[in-house]
Amino acid sequence: MPRDREREENGPVDMALDSMTVTELKTLMKDARISWQGCVEKADLVQKILVESNQEMNLKIQTPAQPLDVYIKRGATVFHLKQAIHQKDQLPVHMQRLFLNTPTATISLPDHKTLLSLGITEMSPIKLAVDARGK
């Protein structure tokens, strides 16, 4: 896909990536488990992140009732994931709390972060808790 066409489709994400340093891009890629092998220039790193962020993945969300399969792009935000859960499970977004269970900690997932920047993959153990207060 031509670079100009990608800019139209990715808009603010592309501009944000362009403003990052090479070190910041590589850190993002490391956290997102994306290899930068074969990337020679900064534009190559940006391109690889854009391609990766448009990849769809199937997340298995552990809910209080039963596991829930959600298909979503890696570049989506946690808020978008909550909206997708709402479409499948009818649980209002404001009542959802999502957590990433790691071997050493349970991490609360902030709405504004992308799944890619949090390093979330199809294998990531994500748990949904219901907040009856809806804060």
C-alpha atoms as a PDB file:
ATOM      1  CA  MET A   1       0.000   0.000   0.000  1.00  0.00           C
ATOM      2  CA  PRO A   2       1.470   3.412  -0.911  1.00  0.00           C
ATOM      3  CA  ARG A   3       2.683   5.530   2.018  1.00  0.00           C
ATOM      4  CA  ASP A   4       0.225   8.398   1.233  1.00  0.00           C
ATOM      5  CA  ARG A   5      -2.713   5.977   1.293  1.00  0.00           C
ATOM      6  CA  GLU A   6      -1.570   4.618   4.671  1.00  0.00           C
ATOM      7  CA  ARG A   7      -1.441   8.148   6.096  1.00  0.00           C
ATOM      8  CA  GLU A   8      -5.102   8.652   5.155  1.00  0.00           C
ATOM      9  CA  GLU A   9      -6.158   5.400   6.840  1.00  0.00           C
ATOM     10  CA  ASN A  10      -4.008   5.647   9.985  1.00  0.00           C
ATOM     11  CA  GLY A  11      -4.096   9.442  10.444  1.00  0.00           C
ATOM     12  CA  PRO A  12      -3.209  10.424  14.019  1.00  0.00           C
ATOM     13  CA  VAL A  13      -1.505   7.100  14.789  1.00  0.00           C
ATOM     14  CA  ASP A  14       0.873   7.542  11.866  1.00  0.00           C
ATOM     15  CA  MET A  15       1.624  11.138  12.862  1.00  0.00           C
ATOM     16  CA  ALA A  16       2.277  10.105  16.475  1.00  0.00           C
ATOM     17  CA  LEU A  17       4.657   7.367  15.327  1.00  0.00           C
ATOM     18  CA  ASP A  18       6.465   9.799  13.029  1.00  0.00           C
ATOM     19  CA  SER A  19       7.070  12.123  15.985  1.00  0.00           C
ATOM     20  CA  MET A  20       8.718   9.355  18.039  1.00  0.00           C
ATOM     21  CA  THR A  21      12.459   8.789  18.129  1.00  0.00           C
ATOM     22  CA  VAL A  22      13.994   5.566  16.841  1.00  0.00           C
ATOM     23  CA  THR A  23      14.664   4.516  20.444  1.00  0.00           C
ATOM     24  CA  GLU A  24      11.017   5.134  21.396  1.00  0.00           C
ATOM     25  CA  LEU A  25       9.820   3.170  18.364  1.00  0.00           C
ATOM     26  CA  LYS A  26      12.096   0.246  19.220  1.00  0.00           C
ATOM     27  CA  THR A  27      10.880   0.304  22.833  1.00  0.00           C
ATOM     28  CA  LEU A  28       7.275   0.204  21.616  1.00  0.00           C
ATOM     29  CA  MET A  29       8.138  -2.674  19.303  1.00  0.00           C
ATOM     30  CA  LYS A  30       9.913  -4.558  22.092  1.00  0.00           C
ATOM     31  CA  ASP A  31       6.910  -4.127  24.423  1.00  0.00           C
ATOM     32  CA  ALA A  32       4.545  -5.214  21.626  1.00  0.00           C
ATOM     33  CA  ARG A  33       6.764  -8.196  20.766  1.00  0.00           C
ATOM     34  CA  ILE A  34       7.427  -6.956  17.228  1.00  0.00           C
ATOM     35  CA  SER A  35      10.807  -7.692  15.680  1.00  0.00           C
ATOM     36  CA  TRP A  36      12.627  -4.761  14.071  1.00  0.00           C
ATOM     37  CA  GLN A  37      14.889  -7.111  12.159  1.00  0.00           C
ATOM     38  CA  GLY A  38      15.268  -5.890   8.578  1.00  0.00           C
ATOM     39  CA  CYS A  39      14.318  -2.308   9.457  1.00  0.00           C
ATOM     40  CA  VAL A  40      17.035   0.024   8.207  1.00  0.00           C
ATOM     41  CA  GLU A  41      15.418   3.444   8.582  1.00  0.00           C
ATOM     42  CA  LYS A  42      12.936   5.060  10.941  1.00  0.00           C
ATOM     43  CA  ALA A  43      10.265   4.868   8.231  1.00  0.00           C
ATOM     44  CA  ASP A  44      10.730   1.067   8.179  1.00  0.00           C
ATOM     45  CA  LEU A  45      10.006   0.894  11.916  1.00  0.00           C
ATOM     46  CA  VAL A  46       6.891   3.060  11.553  1.00  0.00           C
ATOM     47  CA  GLN A  47       5.687   0.945   8.633  1.00  0.00           C
ATOM     48  CA  LYS A  48       6.155  -2.305  10.558  1.00  0.00           C
ATOM     49  CA  ILE A  49       4.229  -0.946  13.564  1.00  0.00           C
ATOM     50  CA  LEU A  50       1.385   0.241  11.311  1.00  0.00           C
ATOM     51  CA  VAL A  51       1.132  -3.153   9.644  1.00  0.00           C
ATOM     52  CA  GLU A  52       1.147  -4.894  13.029  1.00  0.00           C
ATOM     53  CA  SER A  53      -1.469  -2.531  14.503  1.00  0.00           C
ATOM     54  CA  ASN A  54      -3.884  -3.439  11.706  1.00  0.00           C
ATOM     55  CA  GLN A  55      -3.584  -7.175  12.370  1.00  0.00           C
ATOM     56  CA  GLU A  56      -6.716  -8.677  13.869  1.00  0.00           C
ATOM     57  CA  MET A  57      -6.444 -11.045  16.798  1.00  0.00           C
ATOM     58  CA  ASN A  58      -8.803 -13.253  18.773  1.00  0.00           C
ATOM     59  CA  LEU A  59      -8.649 -12.465  22.467  1.00  0.00           C
ATOM     60  CA  LYS A  60     -10.066 -14.841  25.028  1.00  0.00           C
ATOM     61  CA  ILE A  61     -11.508 -12.737  27.836  1.00  0.00           C
ATOM     62  CA  GLN A  62     -12.126 -14.495  31.134  1.00  0.00           C
ATOM     63  CA  THR A  63     -15.465 -13.184  32.420  1.00  0.00           C
ATOM     64  CA  PRO A  64     -17.215 -14.043  35.704  1.00  0.00           C
ATOM     65  CA  ALA A  65     -19.627 -16.283  33.777  1.00  0.00           C
ATOM     66  CA  GLN A  66     -17.667 -17.866  30.910  1.00  0.00           C
ATOM     67  CA  PRO A  67     -14.767 -17.145  28.526  1.00  0.00           C
ATOM     68  CA  LEU A  68     -15.614 -14.708  25.752  1.00  0.00           C
ATOM     69  CA  ASP A  69     -13.940 -14.589  22.307  1.00  0.00           C
ATOM     70  CA  VAL A  70     -13.425 -11.086  20.938  1.00  0.00           C
ATOM     71  CA  TYR A  71     -11.883 -10.274  17.544  1.00  0.00           C
ATOM     72  CA  ILE A  72     -10.116  -6.928  17.525  1.00  0.00           C
ATOM     73  CA  LYS A  73      -7.161  -5.142  15.899  1.00  0.00           C
ATOM     74  CA  ARG A  74      -3.895  -4.929  17.822  1.00  0.00           C
ATOM     75  CA  GLY A  75      -3.942  -1.141  17.385  1.00  0.00           C
ATOM     76  CA  ALA A  76      -7.313  -0.778  19.138  1.00  0.00           C
ATOM     77  CA  THR A  77      -7.508   0.873  22.532  1.00  0.00           C
ATOM     78  CA  VAL A  78      -8.668  -0.853  25.705  1.00  0.00           C
ATOM     79  CA  PHE A  79     -11.821   1.291  25.449  1.00  0.00           C
ATOM     80  CA  HIS A  80     -12.501  -0.181  21.982  1.00  0.00           C
ATOM     81  CA  LEU A  81     -12.040  -3.655  23.466  1.00  0.00           C
ATOM     82  CA  LYS A  82     -14.614  -2.809  26.136  1.00  0.00           C
ATOM     83  CA  GLN A  83     -17.022  -1.688  23.405  1.00  0.00           C
ATOM     84  CA  ALA A  84     -16.512  -5.010  21.586  1.00  0.00           C
ATOM     85  CA  ILE A  85     -17.187  -6.885  24.844  1.00  0.00           C
ATOM     86  CA  HIS A  86     -20.364  -4.830  25.302  1.00  0.00           C
ATOM     87  CA  GLN A  87     -21.550  -5.819  21.805  1.00  0.00           C
ATOM     88  CA  LYS A  88     -21.095  -9.515  22.641  1.00  0.00           C
ATOM     89  CA  ASP A  89     -22.017  -9.633  26.320  1.00  0.00           C
ATOM     90  CA  GLN A  90     -24.277  -6.554  26.768  1.00  0.00           C
ATOM     91  CA  LEU A  91     -22.237  -5.486  29.812  1.00  0.00           C
ATOM     92  CA  PRO A  92     -22.037  -1.666  29.814  1.00  0.00           C
ATOM     93  CA  VAL A  93     -18.560  -0.284  29.148  1.00  0.00           C
ATOM     94  CA  HIS A  94     -18.537   1.821  32.331  1.00  0.00           C
ATOM     95  CA  MET A  95     -19.010  -1.335  34.437  1.00  0.00           C
ATOM     96  CA  GLN A  96     -16.087  -3.211  32.874  1.00  0.00           C
ATOM     97  CA  ARG A  97     -12.645  -3.441  34.452  1.00  0.00           C
ATOM     98  CA  LEU A  98     -10.032  -5.275  32.405  1.00  0.00           C
ATOM     99  CA  PHE A  99      -6.858  -6.767  33.848  1.00  0.00           C
ATOM    100  CA  LEU A 100      -3.800  -8.433  32.376  1.00  0.00           C
ATOM    101  CA  ASN A 101      -2.609 -11.310  34.530  1.00  0.00           C
ATOM    102  CA  THR A 102       1.160 -11.744  34.406  1.00  0.00           C
ATOM    103  CA  PRO A 103       3.277 -14.196  36.396  1.00  0.00           C
ATOM    104  CA  THR A 104       4.336 -11.427  38.776  1.00  0.00           C
ATOM    105  CA  ALA A 105       1.355  -9.032  38.892  1.00  0.00           C
ATOM    106  CA  THR A 106      -2.172  -8.203  37.838  1.00  0.00           C
ATOM    107  CA  ILE A 107      -2.200  -5.017  35.786  1.00  0.00           C
ATOM    108  CA  SER A 108      -5.253  -2.805  35.341  1.00  0.00           C
ATOM    109  CA  LEU A 109      -5.650  -1.853  31.664  1.00  0.00           C
ATOM    110  CA  PRO A 110      -6.195   1.904  31.110  1.00  0.00           C
ATOM    111  CA  ASP A 111      -8.849   2.808  28.524  1.00  0.00           C
ATOM    112  CA  HIS A 112      -6.615   5.141  26.480  1.00  0.00           C
ATOM    113  CA  LYS A 113      -3.767   2.660  25.887  1.00  0.00           C
ATOM    114  CA  THR A 114      -3.612   0.516  22.763  1.00  0.00           C
ATOM    115  CA  LEU A 115      -3.433  -3.255  23.015  1.00  0.00           C
ATOM    116  CA  LEU A 116      -0.262  -3.067  20.920  1.00  0.00           C
ATOM    117  CA  SER A 117       1.464  -0.636  23.295  1.00  0.00           C
ATOM    118  CA  LEU A 118       0.529  -2.861  26.256  1.00  0.00           C
ATOM    119  CA  GLY A 119       2.106  -5.861  24.521  1.00  0.00           C
ATOM    120  CA  ILE A 120      -1.187  -7.751  24.428  1.00  0.00           C
ATOM    121  CA  THR A 121      -1.313 -10.736  22.086  1.00  0.00           C
ATOM    122  CA  GLU A 122      -3.758 -13.578  21.513  1.00  0.00           C
ATOM    123  CA  MET A 123      -2.010 -15.481  24.288  1.00  0.00           C
ATOM    124  CA  SER A 124      -2.391 -12.707  26.882  1.00  0.00           C
ATOM    125  CA  PRO A 125      -4.519 -13.697  29.893  1.00  0.00           C
ATOM    126  CA  ILE A 126      -7.119 -10.928  30.158  1.00  0.00           C
ATOM    127  CA  LYS A 127      -9.677 -10.961  32.940  1.00  0.00           C
ATOM    128  CA  LEU A 128     -12.910  -8.973  33.077  1.00  0.00           C
ATOM    129  CA  ALA A 129     -14.238  -7.827  36.441  1.00  0.00           C
ATOM    130  CA  VAL A 130     -17.633  -6.192  36.837  1.00  0.00           C
ATOM    131  CA  ASP A 131     -17.756  -2.951  38.798  1.00  0.00           C
ATOM    132  CA  ALA A 132     -21.366  -2.666  39.966  1.00  0.00           C
ATOM    133  CA  ARG A 133     -20.737   0.957  40.965  1.00  0.00           C
ATOM    134  CA  GLY A 134     -19.823   1.750  37.350  1.00  0.00           C
ATOM    135  CA  LYS A 135     -17.119   4.298  38.104  1.00  0.00           C
END
